[in-house]
C-alpha atoms as a PDB file:
ATOM      1  CA  UNK A   1     -10.035  94.495-120.405  1.00  0.00           C
ATOM      2  CA  UNK A   2     -11.170  95.534-116.933  1.00  0.00           C
ATOM      3  CA  UNK A   3      -9.283  97.367-114.206  1.00  0.00           C
ATOM      4  CA  UNK A   4      -8.390  94.203-112.284  1.00  0.00           C
ATOM      5  CA  UNK A   5      -6.930  92.616-115.398  1.00  0.00           C
ATOM      6  CA  UNK A   6      -4.863  95.734-116.038  1.00  0.00           C
ATOM      7  CA  UNK A   7      -3.674  95.836-112.429  1.00  0.00           C
ATOM      8  CA  UNK A   8      -2.727  92.160-112.602  1.00  0.00           C
ATOM      9  CA  UNK A   9      -0.621  92.849-115.703  1.00  0.00           C
ATOM     10  CA  UNK A  10       1.142  95.771-114.019  1.00  0.00           C
ATOM     11  CA  UNK A  11       1.842  93.747-110.856  1.00  0.00           C
ATOM     12  CA  UNK A  12       3.194  90.849-112.924  1.00  0.00           C
ATOM     13  CA  UNK A  13       5.490  93.223-114.806  1.00  0.00           C
ATOM     14  CA  UNK A  14       6.692  94.982-111.658  1.00  0.00           C
ATOM     15  CA  UNK A  15       7.439  91.662-109.956  1.00  0.00           C
ATOM     16  CA  UNK A  16      10.332  91.133-112.364  1.00  0.00           C
ATOM     17  CA  UNK A  17      11.793  94.634-111.988  1.00  0.00           C
ATOM     18  CA  UNK A  18      14.700  95.702-109.799  1.00  0.00           C
ATOM     19  CA  UNK A  19      13.668  95.454-106.115  1.00  0.00           C
ATOM     20  CA  UNK A  20      15.600  98.675-105.432  1.00  0.00           C
ATOM     21  CA  UNK A  21      13.331 100.627-107.773  1.00  0.00           C
ATOM     22  CA  UNK A  22      10.016  98.757-107.512  1.00  0.00           C
ATOM     23  CA  UNK A  23       8.035  98.415-104.291  1.00  0.00           C
ATOM     24  CA  UNK A  24       6.187  95.382-105.700  1.00  0.00           C
ATOM     25  CA  UNK A  25       9.463  93.682-106.657  1.00  0.00           C
ATOM     26  CA  UNK A  26      10.919  94.440-103.227  1.00  0.00           C
ATOM     27  CA  UNK A  27       7.950  92.807-101.509  1.00  0.00           C
ATOM     28  CA  UNK A  28       8.252  89.704-103.686  1.00  0.00           C
ATOM     29  CA  UNK A  29      12.017  89.588-103.081  1.00  0.00           C
ATOM     30  CA  UNK A  30      11.333  89.515 -99.326  1.00  0.00           C
ATOM     31  CA  UNK A  31       8.949  86.595 -99.758  1.00  0.00           C
ATOM     32  CA  UNK A  32       5.363  85.647 -99.052  1.00  0.00           C
ATOM     33  CA  UNK A  33       5.660  86.143 -95.293  1.00  0.00           C
ATOM     34  CA  UNK A  34       6.520  89.823 -95.786  1.00  0.00           C
ATOM     35  CA  UNK A  35       3.611  90.270 -98.185  1.00  0.00           C
ATOM     36  CA  UNK A  36       1.241  88.600 -95.720  1.00  0.00           C
ATOM     37  CA  UNK A  37       2.612  90.800 -92.951  1.00  0.00           C
ATOM     38  CA  UNK A  38       1.704  93.862 -95.047  1.00  0.00           C
ATOM     39  CA  UNK A  39      -1.804  92.484 -95.693  1.00  0.00           C
ATOM     40  CA  UNK A  40      -2.267  91.989 -91.947  1.00  0.00           C
ATOM     41  CA  UNK A  41      -0.915  95.461 -91.174  1.00  0.00           C
ATOM     42  CA  UNK A  42      -3.204  97.087 -93.709  1.00  0.00           C
ATOM     43  CA  UNK A  43      -6.201  95.088 -92.417  1.00  0.00           C
ATOM     44  CA  UNK A  44      -5.597  96.455 -88.942  1.00  0.00           C
ATOM     45  CA  UNK A  45      -5.314  99.994 -90.314  1.00  0.00           C
ATOM     46  CA  UNK A  46      -8.667  99.625 -92.113  1.00  0.00           C
ATOM     47  CA  UNK A  47     -10.311  98.424 -88.907  1.00  0.00           C
ATOM     48  CA  UNK A  48      -8.857 101.286 -86.859  1.00  0.00           C
ATOM     49  CA  UNK A  49      -9.776 103.903 -89.464  1.00  0.00           C
ATOM     50  CA  UNK A  50     -13.323 102.572 -89.673  1.00  0.00           C
ATOM     51  CA  UNK A  51     -13.632 102.489 -85.891  1.00  0.00           C
ATOM     52  CA  UNK A  52     -12.472 106.089 -85.607  1.00  0.00           C
ATOM     53  CA  UNK A  53     -14.532 107.360 -88.550  1.00  0.00           C
ATOM     54  CA  UNK A  54     -17.267 109.859 -87.990  1.00  0.00           C
ATOM     55  CA  UNK A  55     -19.323 111.762 -90.512  1.00  0.00           C
ATOM     56  CA  UNK A  56     -16.484 114.086 -91.535  1.00  0.00           C
ATOM     57  CA  UNK A  57     -14.959 113.900 -94.987  1.00  0.00           C
ATOM     58  CA  UNK A  58     -11.447 113.554 -93.587  1.00  0.00           C
ATOM     59  CA  UNK A  59     -12.153 110.387 -91.600  1.00  0.00           C
ATOM     60  CA  UNK A  60     -14.147 108.869 -94.462  1.00  0.00           C
ATOM     61  CA  UNK A  61     -11.225 109.660 -96.724  1.00  0.00           C
ATOM     62  CA  UNK A  62      -8.880 107.865 -94.306  1.00  0.00           C
ATOM     63  CA  UNK A  63     -11.050 104.725 -94.452  1.00  0.00           C
ATOM     64  CA  UNK A  64     -10.965 104.826 -98.260  1.00  0.00           C
ATOM     65  CA  UNK A  65      -7.172 105.341 -98.279  1.00  0.00           C
ATOM     66  CA  UNK A  66      -6.550 102.447 -95.910  1.00  0.00           C
ATOM     67  CA  UNK A  67      -8.939 100.196 -97.824  1.00  0.00           C
ATOM     68  CA  UNK A  68      -7.098 100.979-101.054  1.00  0.00           C
ATOM     69  CA  UNK A  69      -3.804 100.039 -99.350  1.00  0.00           C
ATOM     70  CA  UNK A  70      -5.339  96.755 -98.211  1.00  0.00           C
ATOM     71  CA  UNK A  71      -6.653  95.969-101.693  1.00  0.00           C
ATOM     72  CA  UNK A  72      -3.288  96.804-103.233  1.00  0.00           C
ATOM     73  CA  UNK A  73      -1.330  94.534-100.892  1.00  0.00           C
ATOM     74  CA  UNK A  74      -3.932  91.784-101.343  1.00  0.00           C
ATOM     75  CA  UNK A  75      -3.464  92.033-105.100  1.00  0.00           C
ATOM     76  CA  UNK A  76       0.323  91.816-104.609  1.00  0.00           C
ATOM     77  CA  UNK A  77      -0.285  88.657-102.551  1.00  0.00           C
ATOM     78  CA  UNK A  78      -2.480  87.191-105.282  1.00  0.00           C
ATOM     79  CA  UNK A  79       0.082  88.006-107.957  1.00  0.00           C
ATOM     80  CA  UNK A  80       2.618  85.716-106.291  1.00  0.00           C
END
């Protein structure tokens, strides 16, 4: 099993949990529009981080962090 398969299983499980204790469940409870809003928000943050990045480790790290957030919210969208 690869990492994406494992992540898909975790997201599927979390979708059915209590929205008060699971971020993934809370997003699904709010509906697809909220999930898409988060994907759009994270996309913008990736673009801004990349635009502001220089050769320093801290700005490169920010791009990686924002990209991970985008991938996560995209996977939540796909798990719907």
